[in-house]
Structure formats: C-alpha cells, structure tokens
Protein backbone atom coordinates (compact mmCIF):
# COMPACT_ATOMS: atom_id res chain seq x y z
CA UNK A 1 -17.79 -10.70 2.83
CA UNK A 2 -18.16 -11.90 -1.16
CA UNK A 3 -17.94 -9.62 -4.18
CA UNK A 4 -18.31 -10.92 -8.09
CA UNK A 5 -14.91 -12.19 -9.67
CA UNK A 6 -13.36 -8.97 -11.18
CA UNK A 7 -12.16 -8.68 -15.12
CA UNK A 8 -8.43 -8.53 -14.33
CA UNK A 9 -6.08 -7.17 -16.95
CA UNK A 10 -2.50 -8.76 -16.88
CA UNK A 11 -0.18 -7.03 -18.82
CA UNK A 12 2.63 -9.14 -20.25
CA UNK A 13 5.07 -9.53 -22.71
CA UNK A 14 2.97 -11.39 -25.03
CA UNK A 15 1.48 -12.78 -21.88
CA UNK A 16 -2.48 -14.37 -22.61
CA UNK A 17 -5.40 -12.97 -21.27
CA UNK A 18 -4.99 -13.84 -17.20
CA UNK A 19 -7.50 -16.97 -16.33
CA UNK A 20 -10.17 -14.59 -15.04
CA UNK A 21 -9.81 -12.15 -17.39
CA UNK A 22 -13.97 -11.47 -19.20
CA UNK A 23 -14.70 -13.45 -21.98
CA UNK A 24 -15.02 -11.97 -25.58
CA UNK A 25 -18.78 -11.16 -25.14
CA UNK A 26 -18.07 -8.30 -22.16
CA UNK A 27 -17.58 -4.95 -23.45
CA UNK A 28 -14.39 -3.52 -23.97
CA UNK A 29 -13.29 -1.02 -21.33
CA UNK A 30 -13.36 2.43 -21.73
CA UNK A 31 -10.59 4.77 -23.06
CA UNK A 32 -9.32 5.49 -19.29
CA UNK A 33 -9.64 1.68 -18.03
CA UNK A 34 -13.28 1.94 -16.35
CA UNK A 35 -15.02 -1.09 -17.09
CA UNK A 36 -18.20 -0.72 -18.14
CA UNK A 37 -20.44 -1.64 -15.44
CA UNK A 38 -20.61 -4.49 -12.33
CA UNK A 39 -17.78 -3.39 -10.28
CA UNK A 40 -15.65 -5.18 -11.91
CA UNK A 41 -12.00 -3.92 -12.83
CA UNK A 42 -10.10 -3.61 -16.03
CA UNK A 43 -7.07 -5.99 -17.75
CA UNK A 44 -5.06 -6.11 -20.59
CA UNK A 45 -2.04 -8.40 -22.06
CA UNK A 46 0.08 -6.64 -24.45
CA UNK A 47 2.59 -3.95 -23.77
CA UNK A 48 0.94 -0.55 -24.74
CA UNK A 49 2.67 2.56 -26.13
CA UNK A 50 2.93 4.81 -23.48
CA UNK A 51 1.10 8.41 -24.24
CA UNK A 52 2.56 11.62 -22.21
CA UNK A 53 0.83 11.62 -18.73
CA UNK A 54 -1.38 14.92 -18.53
CA UNK A 55 -3.32 16.15 -15.81
CA UNK A 56 -6.86 16.21 -17.06
CA UNK A 57 -9.24 19.09 -15.73
CA UNK A 58 -10.59 15.89 -13.48
CA UNK A 59 -7.10 15.16 -12.89
CA UNK A 60 -6.42 18.62 -11.55
CA UNK A 61 -9.18 18.91 -9.45
CA UNK A 62 -8.83 15.74 -7.92
CA UNK A 63 -5.16 16.95 -7.00
CA UNK A 64 -6.17 20.03 -5.05
CA UNK A 65 -9.21 18.74 -3.31
CA UNK A 66 -6.83 15.97 -2.12
CA UNK A 67 -4.17 18.41 -1.26
CA UNK A 68 -6.86 20.62 0.77
CA UNK A 69 -8.11 17.48 2.20
CA UNK A 70 -5.04 15.84 3.47
CA UNK A 71 -3.94 19.22 4.69
CA UNK A 72 -6.78 20.11 6.47
CA UNK A 73 -7.81 23.15 4.60
CA UNK A 74 -11.14 21.59 3.58
CA UNK A 75 -12.38 20.18 6.68
CA UNK A 76 -14.98 18.00 6.40
CA UNK A 77 -18.39 18.37 7.05
CA UNK A 78 -19.18 15.14 9.25
CA UNK A 79 -16.00 13.96 11.72
CA UNK A 80 -14.66 10.30 11.38
CA UNK A 81 -16.36 7.96 13.27
CA UNK A 82 -13.98 5.39 14.68
CA UNK A 83 -14.71 1.80 14.15
CA UNK A 84 -16.16 2.47 10.59
CA UNK A 85 -14.15 1.10 7.71
CA UNK A 86 -13.27 5.07 5.74
CA UNK A 87 -9.34 5.41 6.09
CA UNK A 88 -9.88 8.88 7.99
CA UNK A 89 -5.97 8.45 8.87
CA UNK A 90 -5.23 9.34 4.97
CA UNK A 91 -6.97 12.25 4.95
CA UNK A 92 -7.31 13.34 8.23
CA UNK A 93 -4.19 12.23 10.34
CA UNK A 94 -6.17 10.58 13.75
CA UNK A 95 -3.91 9.57 15.45
CA UNK A 96 -3.38 7.83 19.27
CA UNK A 97 -0.40 7.47 21.24
CA UNK A 98 1.92 4.92 20.14
CA UNK A 99 1.67 1.10 21.58
CA UNK A 100 3.48 0.57 24.83
CA UNK A 101 6.31 -1.48 23.81
CA UNK A 102 8.82 -3.88 25.74
CA UNK A 103 12.10 -2.57 27.00
CA UNK A 104 15.04 -1.74 25.14
CA UNK A 105 17.47 -4.86 24.93
CA UNK A 106 21.09 -5.14 26.49
CA UNK A 107 22.05 -5.72 22.72
CA UNK A 108 20.52 -2.74 21.01
CA UNK A 109 22.94 -2.95 17.98
CA UNK A 110 20.86 -6.40 16.94
CA UNK A 111 17.36 -6.43 15.29
CA UNK A 112 15.41 -9.26 17.53
CA UNK A 113 12.30 -9.22 18.73
CA UNK A 114 12.00 -8.65 22.59
CA UNK A 115 8.12 -9.93 23.28
CA UNK A 116 5.72 -11.70 21.37
CA UNK A 117 1.90 -11.71 22.76
CA UNK A 118 -1.19 -13.71 21.35
CA UNK A 119 -4.02 -12.28 20.42
CA UNK A 120 -6.44 -14.49 18.56
CA UNK A 121 -5.76 -17.76 16.72
CA UNK A 122 -2.31 -17.79 14.98
CA UNK A 123 -2.47 -14.14 15.19
CA UNK A 124 0.23 -12.52 17.40
CA UNK A 125 1.92 -9.20 18.54
CA UNK A 126 5.64 -8.93 18.66
CA UNK A 127 7.70 -6.23 19.42
CA UNK A 128 10.83 -6.14 17.07
CA UNK A 129 13.85 -4.11 17.98
CA UNK A 130 15.07 -1.53 15.26
CA UNK A 131 18.51 -0.46 15.64
CA UNK A 132 18.01 1.82 12.99
CA UNK A 133 15.52 3.83 14.91
CA UNK A 134 16.64 2.67 18.49
CA UNK A 135 13.12 1.68 19.47
CA UNK A 136 10.74 -1.06 19.33
CA UNK A 137 8.26 -1.16 16.48
CA UNK A 138 4.99 -3.57 17.89
CA UNK A 139 4.17 -5.58 14.80
CA UNK A 140 1.13 -7.98 14.56
CA UNK A 141 2.09 -11.81 12.76
CA UNK A 142 -0.28 -13.82 10.93
CA UNK A 143 1.55 -17.11 11.59
CA UNK A 144 1.16 -19.90 9.09
CA UNK A 145 -0.47 -23.26 10.08
CA UNK A 146 2.01 -25.46 8.88
CA UNK A 147 5.89 -25.40 10.78
CA UNK A 148 7.64 -25.76 7.10
CA UNK A 149 9.67 -22.49 6.32
CA UNK A 150 7.17 -19.53 4.79
CA UNK A 151 7.82 -16.95 2.71
CA UNK A 152 7.42 -13.81 4.13
CA UNK A 153 4.65 -11.30 3.55
CA UNK A 154 5.07 -7.60 4.57
CA UNK A 155 1.40 -6.30 4.65
CA UNK A 156 1.67 -2.41 5.60
CA UNK A 157 -1.08 -0.17 6.80
CA UNK A 158 -1.52 3.30 5.62
CA UNK A 159 -0.57 6.79 6.69
CA UNK A 160 -1.57 6.01 10.44
CA UNK A 161 0.85 3.46 10.20
CA UNK A 162 -1.86 1.97 12.51
CA UNK A 163 -0.77 3.89 15.37
CA UNK A 164 -4.57 5.78 14.74
CA UNK A 165 -6.28 2.10 15.16
CA UNK A 166 -7.03 2.03 11.54
CA UNK A 167 -5.78 -1.03 9.91
CA UNK A 168 -5.90 -4.49 8.49
CA UNK A 169 -5.49 -5.43 12.03
CA UNK A 170 -8.88 -3.15 12.80
CA UNK A 171 -11.20 -3.63 10.11
CA UNK A 172 -10.60 -6.40 8.03
CA UNK A 173 -11.07 -10.11 8.48
CA UNK A 174 -7.71 -10.77 6.79
CA UNK A 175 -7.27 -13.33 9.89
CA UNK A 176 -9.86 -15.60 8.39
CA UNK A 177 -8.33 -14.62 4.73
CA UNK A 178 -4.74 -15.78 5.39
CA UNK A 179 -6.07 -18.20 7.63
CA UNK A 180 -5.73 -21.26 4.82
CA UNK A 181 -1.88 -20.02 2.96
CA UNK A 182 1.20 -20.59 3.64
CA UNK A 183 2.77 -17.83 4.41
CA UNK A 184 3.81 -15.35 7.44
CA UNK A 185 2.12 -11.95 7.65
CA UNK A 186 4.05 -9.33 8.75
CA UNK A 187 1.94 -5.59 9.62
CA UNK A 188 3.78 -3.02 11.65
CA UNK A 189 2.43 -0.73 13.51
CA UNK A 190 3.81 2.82 13.02
CA UNK A 191 5.72 5.06 10.63
CA UNK A 192 2.51 7.10 10.87
CA UNK A 193 3.36 9.66 7.55
CA UNK A 194 6.57 8.20 6.99
CA UNK A 195 5.95 7.19 3.26
CA UNK A 196 7.80 4.38 4.57
CA UNK A 197 11.20 5.60 3.71
CA UNK A 198 14.61 6.04 5.13
CA UNK A 199 14.87 10.00 6.05
CA UNK A 200 17.52 12.04 5.28
CA UNK A 201 17.57 13.45 8.63
CA UNK A 202 15.70 13.64 11.91
CA UNK A 203 12.17 15.61 11.81
CA UNK A 204 11.21 17.88 14.92
CA UNK A 205 7.70 16.08 14.92
CA UNK A 206 7.99 13.12 13.62
CA UNK A 207 11.01 11.90 14.64
CA UNK A 208 13.61 9.54 12.83
CA UNK A 209 12.17 7.19 9.90
CA UNK A 210 14.70 4.26 8.76
CA UNK A 211 11.62 2.44 8.10
CA UNK A 212 13.13 0.97 4.29
CA UNK A 213 16.06 -0.18 6.27
CA UNK A 214 13.32 -1.67 9.15
CA UNK A 215 11.06 -3.13 6.64
CA UNK A 216 14.01 -4.59 4.40
CA UNK A 217 16.35 -5.89 6.33
CA UNK A 218 16.15 -5.69 10.63
CA UNK A 219 12.34 -7.03 10.45
CA UNK A 220 13.04 -9.94 8.49
CA UNK A 221 16.29 -10.77 10.22
CA UNK A 222 14.49 -10.85 13.58
CA UNK A 223 11.62 -12.62 12.55
CA UNK A 224 14.05 -15.33 11.13
CA UNK A 225 15.44 -15.77 14.47
CA UNK A 226 12.32 -16.94 15.69
CA UNK A 227 10.22 -18.01 12.91
CA UNK A 228 10.81 -20.51 10.10
CA UNK A 229 11.15 -18.50 6.77
CA UNK A 230 12.31 -19.43 3.21
CA UNK A 231 14.51 -16.99 1.01
CA UNK A 232 11.15 -15.60 -0.75
CA UNK A 233 9.39 -11.94 0.10
CA UNK A 234 6.23 -10.19 -1.24
CA UNK A 235 5.29 -7.09 0.23
CA UNK A 236 1.80 -5.32 0.17
CA UNK A 237 1.10 -1.69 0.41
CA UNK A 238 -2.21 0.38 0.75
CA UNK A 239 -3.13 4.24 0.36
CA UNK A 240 0.06 6.01 1.71
CA UNK A 241 2.11 2.85 1.57
CA UNK A 242 0.93 1.73 -1.72
CA UNK A 243 4.11 3.34 -3.52
CA UNK A 244 6.49 2.60 -0.66
CA UNK A 245 5.35 -1.14 -1.51
CA UNK A 246 6.77 -1.15 -5.23
CA UNK A 247 9.42 1.26 -4.45
CA UNK A 248 10.86 -1.01 -1.73
CA UNK A 249 11.00 -4.14 -4.20
CA UNK A 250 12.68 -1.85 -6.91
CA UNK A 251 15.42 -0.44 -4.84
CA UNK A 252 16.14 -3.38 -2.30
CA UNK A 253 19.04 -5.05 -3.19
CA UNK A 254 17.12 -8.79 -2.01
CA UNK A 255 14.21 -9.99 -4.45
CA UNK A 256 10.56 -9.66 -3.98
CA UNK A 257 8.80 -11.86 -5.33
CA UNK A 258 5.67 -9.87 -5.75
CA UNK A 259 5.10 -6.16 -4.60
CA UNK A 260 1.46 -4.86 -4.90
CA UNK A 261 -0.45 -0.99 -4.23
CA UNK A 262 -4.20 -1.15 -3.43
CA UNK A 263 -5.36 2.50 -3.57
CA UNK A 264 -1.76 3.70 -3.25
CA UNK A 265 0.05 7.08 -4.96
CA UNK A 266 3.22 5.26 -6.89
CA UNK A 267 4.06 8.49 -8.37
CA UNK A 268 6.37 10.66 -6.64
CA UNK A 269 8.86 12.76 -8.29
CA UNK A 270 6.08 14.58 -10.87
CA UNK A 271 4.52 17.90 -9.43
CA UNK A 272 1.33 15.95 -8.64
CA UNK A 273 2.77 13.10 -6.73
CA UNK A 274 5.54 16.33 -5.00
CA UNK A 275 2.22 17.59 -4.12
CA UNK A 276 0.73 14.46 -2.43
CA UNK A 277 4.00 13.61 -0.88
CA UNK A 278 4.05 16.52 0.62
CA UNK A 279 0.44 16.83 1.83
CA UNK A 280 1.09 13.55 3.39
CA UNK A 281 3.96 14.60 5.19
CA UNK A 282 2.67 17.98 6.62
CA UNK A 283 -0.60 16.66 8.20
CA UNK A 284 1.41 14.97 10.11
CA UNK A 285 3.28 17.65 11.58
CA UNK A 286 6.29 17.03 9.48
CA UNK A 287 8.59 18.33 6.63
CA UNK A 288 9.10 16.10 3.40
CA UNK A 289 12.08 18.20 3.02
CA UNK A 290 13.69 15.96 5.87
CA UNK A 291 13.00 12.73 4.27
CA UNK A 292 14.14 13.41 0.45
CA UNK A 293 15.48 16.67 0.59
CA UNK A 294 14.66 19.77 -1.70
CA UNK A 295 12.81 18.74 -4.87
CA UNK A 296 15.57 18.87 -6.71
CA UNK A 297 17.69 16.27 -4.29
CA UNK A 298 17.63 12.83 -6.76
CA UNK A 299 16.16 10.99 -3.79
CA UNK A 300 12.68 12.00 -4.93
CA UNK A 301 13.73 10.08 -8.22
CA UNK A 302 15.58 6.94 -6.14
CA UNK A 303 11.90 6.91 -3.87
CA UNK A 304 9.70 7.14 -7.40
CA UNK A 305 8.55 3.38 -8.70
CA UNK A 306 6.88 5.14 -11.45
CA UNK A 307 10.85 6.11 -12.44
CA UNK A 308 12.62 3.07 -11.64
CA UNK A 309 9.94 0.38 -13.30
CA UNK A 310 13.20 -1.79 -15.30
CA UNK A 311 13.87 -2.67 -11.69
CA UNK A 312 10.29 -4.55 -11.30
CA UNK A 313 11.33 -6.61 -13.94
CA UNK A 314 10.81 -10.43 -12.80
CA UNK A 315 8.83 -8.87 -9.73
CA UNK A 316 5.06 -9.90 -10.12
CA UNK A 317 3.45 -6.25 -9.88
CA UNK A 318 -0.01 -5.58 -9.30
CA UNK A 319 -2.05 -2.48 -9.14
CA UNK A 320 -5.59 -1.53 -8.17
CA UNK A 321 -7.51 1.24 -7.61
CA UNK A 322 -10.85 2.98 -8.02
CA UNK A 323 -12.18 6.74 -9.72
CA UNK A 324 -13.43 7.52 -6.16
CA UNK A 325 -17.30 7.70 -6.78
CA UNK A 326 -18.68 5.61 -3.65
CA UNK A 327 -20.68 2.79 -4.45
CA UNK A 328 -20.98 -0.97 -4.64
CA UNK A 329 -17.05 -1.82 -3.50
CA UNK A 330 -17.56 0.15 -0.61
CA UNK A 331 -20.34 -1.83 1.40
CA UNK A 332 -20.63 -1.54 4.18
CA UNK A 333 -18.70 1.70 4.65
CA UNK A 334 -20.86 3.66 2.93
CA UNK A 335 -21.15 6.83 5.16
CA UNK A 336 -20.88 11.14 5.10
CA UNK A 337 -17.13 10.82 5.71
CA UNK A 338 -16.72 8.19 2.31
CA UNK A 339 -17.99 11.03 0.00
CA UNK A 340 -16.47 13.97 1.97
CA UNK A 341 -13.07 12.49 2.58
CA UNK A 342 -12.61 9.25 0.97
CA UNK A 343 -13.93 10.19 -2.68
CA UNK A 344 -11.40 12.75 -3.26
CA UNK A 345 -8.56 10.81 -2.11
CA UNK A 346 -9.15 7.86 -4.35
CA UNK A 347 -9.87 10.21 -6.92
CA UNK A 348 -5.86 11.23 -6.34
CA UNK A 349 -4.65 7.77 -5.61
CA UNK A 350 -6.52 6.47 -9.40
CA UNK A 351 -5.08 8.64 -11.09
CA UNK A 352 -1.35 8.30 -9.70
CA UNK A 353 -2.18 4.93 -10.23
CA UNK A 354 -2.88 5.16 -13.84
CA UNK A 355 0.33 6.93 -14.18
CA UNK A 356 2.41 4.02 -12.79
CA UNK A 357 0.88 2.05 -14.73
CA UNK A 358 1.46 4.01 -17.82
CA UNK A 359 5.27 4.17 -17.05
CA UNK A 360 5.20 -0.17 -16.76
CA UNK A 361 3.20 0.22 -20.61
CA UNK A 362 6.33 1.73 -21.46
CA UNK A 363 8.58 -0.18 -20.45
CA UNK A 364 7.33 -3.50 -20.67
CA UNK A 365 6.97 -4.55 -17.52
CA UNK A 366 4.55 -7.11 -16.97
CA UNK A 367 2.11 -6.10 -14.44
CA UNK A 368 -1.76 -6.54 -13.56
CA UNK A 369 -4.03 -3.47 -12.68
CA UNK A 370 -7.43 -3.83 -11.33
CA UNK A 371 -9.20 -0.57 -11.72
CA UNK A 372 -12.43 -0.31 -10.32
CA UNK A 373 -15.74 1.17 -11.58
CA UNK A 374 -16.68 2.85 -8.37
CA UNK A 375 -15.17 2.78 -4.88
CA UNK A 376 -14.09 5.93 -2.41
CA UNK A 377 -11.23 4.77 -0.02
CA UNK A 378 -12.44 2.32 2.21
CA UNK A 379 -11.77 -0.54 3.94
CA UNK A 380 -14.39 -2.73 2.29
CA UNK A 381 -12.52 -1.68 -1.09
CA UNK A 382 -9.04 -2.07 0.04
CA UNK A 383 -9.78 -5.62 1.10
CA UNK A 384 -11.26 -6.60 -2.03
CA UNK A 385 -8.43 -5.34 -3.58
CA UNK A 386 -6.38 -7.51 -1.36
CA UNK A 387 -8.38 -10.82 -2.15
CA UNK A 388 -7.96 -9.51 -6.05
CA UNK A 389 -4.40 -9.16 -5.62
CA UNK A 390 -3.72 -12.78 -4.48
CA UNK A 391 -3.99 -14.65 -7.76
CA UNK A 392 -0.82 -12.65 -8.67
CA UNK A 393 0.58 -12.37 -5.53
CA UNK A 394 0.10 -16.12 -4.25
CA UNK A 395 1.26 -17.71 -6.99
CA UNK A 396 4.70 -15.84 -7.07
CA UNK A 397 4.93 -16.65 -3.07
CA UNK A 398 4.20 -19.97 -3.52
CA UNK A 399 1.66 -19.86 -1.07
C-alpha cells in the first residue's frame, strides 16, 4: 500500500520547515490545522503561544458520542466483522481468551524469556516473564537482519492489547515495513483496557496491571538477555496506547529517543480526558479508580503527557490524528463499522491530540504533528501514520 508524501509539520525551537513539507505554492492549513485537501497532514516550524483549550460544539459532540460508543450505551448498527481493519476493540472491547504461554520459571523474581516460537521470517513470538504481574506476556518480536546491537522499539497495540486479535500483527504489513530497518520491534500481547500503566491496586475484573514496569524495565531487561541491543529506545502507541507511549517517555528514568502517538488520546487529567479514560476502562469491566485513584489523585497528572511536556524535551515527539470523517486514508477498510464506530472514536482522538499539540507548543517543545484531512480509526489509517512517523522516529533511533 502506498500513499502520497504528506505535507508534514515540524514544530521546533527555531527549526526550519521539514524536508518533506509542502512548498510555498501550496495553500496554508486552516486554523484548526486541517490541510486544504489531498489527505495530507499539516506541519509547523515555529512554536506558537498556546490558546486555552476549549471544548467546541464539535469537540463536545465527539466526547459524548465516543463515550457512548466506548461504554456500549450506543450500540453500533452493524457488528464488527473479524478480520476487517476497523479497530473495533477500541470502541467495543471485543476480546478473546489470552494466548497460552509457557509455565512459570523456577526464579519468578527475574524478568526472562521463557520460550521463543518462530512465526514467519524474522518474526517470532516470545513468552516474557513479568515478576511484577507474576505472569508470562506473549510478545511478538521483529528481529533485525544484522546481528550487531540494535535499538529497541516498543510498538504497542490498542485497547484490546492484541488479545482480541486486533493489532499490528493481525491487520498490517508492518513486518515488511521493518524488514530493512535495523531495529528490534517488540509488541506485547496483553494489557487490554489497562491504559498500559501501573495500577495502584488489583482490579476485580482486569486483575493486576503493572504495564509501565513491564514495558520500561522487565521487557528490555529480558530481551537484552537474549538479543543484541544498544542503549537506544523508542515507543509508538496507537489508539488507547498513544497517550501511554508519550507518558512512558515522559516519566521513565530511561531516555527514550523517540515517542509517538498515532490516533491516541494523550490528554488524561482534563474533564474530557478523564471521561475518555473512564469510558475505555469501564468498557472492559474495570474501574479506572483502581488505576489512578479518584479524580483528585495526583496520579492523573503524573500520567498525563500533556501536563508533563517539559519532560519530553530531548525526545523526538510525533503526533498523528484525523478528524474522523471516513475517506481515502481508510481504504480498503471502509464499511459500516467505519462510520458508526471508527468515526466518533477518531474524532475524540483528534481532539485530545490537538490539545496535546497545544501543550507542546506552549512549552516550546519540538514535535511533529501530522493531522490528516480524513480518516476514521482504521488500521489503514494507523499504518499510514506508522509509515509517516518513521521520518521522525527512525533517525532518532539511528535505525
């Protein structure tokens, strides 16, 4: 699948226009950042003063509609069809049983790889032991062709965590995309409705969730025991995991060279963000207060990347979103579910991403934001965002 080169927008301190940006003959983007046409995202190169984030009528409609869909109050007219590219897990929470894994190790206190199963080419499935969660986490790995030490890229799935068979390994050709790139790509299968964070307490339905500990400490440590890694890390999240990807880079004691949110929700502690987080967790039967406490708990601010933009300085930050209107960026995944499920979900993601971009501008933090003029939360859109993100993420990783 190929797309036209986007008109990208790099926001940096005194930086110039990105090499892939539109030339001066193209029309300027509209006030909300939408490009004038052609499915291209916009780009900016000079930090702007932040305007107070306001929930417009469109944004309010997006929030309400998205919350209704996510929580199941609004039932889609058409059921999701397995194998389509619509990220139905984001809106409906369809899940399957977790994948069987290897038995626990004798030493349950040490992160380690328990078993590696070949899948296809350089794609393998590794069972990685998590002492913090006392379980094995099946993790798809794309191994680099060269045996020399490679950077580690965490490529996270959406709200179903891949357990619902919705994710990078099932709906994209990401294996072909990374085939010529010197990077080890790790995509854990698990963490449905977890917000990929460390929960304060076990949840009666969702159990023990210590995903930030797993992603930031246990997984890299286990992989380093079996593969040649250098000290460079990056993280890319999509949909539910977009915000957590940025939060991981902002709060980790380790430096992340790059962090990207693809159609994510990187706004957590505002009323809109709280509603979105609460809706996502509730759709899986969980209670978000078990994650971050009550709404006055400081954990909400700690895990809000839009509140911690200064801690992203020095990280190559990439954002992408679309306004939710189905279009060419969703081909070949257009269908009834795209309109009923994907459109309102992407519209909500777009609003949260625009607020994150405003926070980065206000803090003078360099970032790149591709805002497409069409797209409705499909994997066709996500795959384009992944490919477009690489001009930012790849150089930062040295891959």
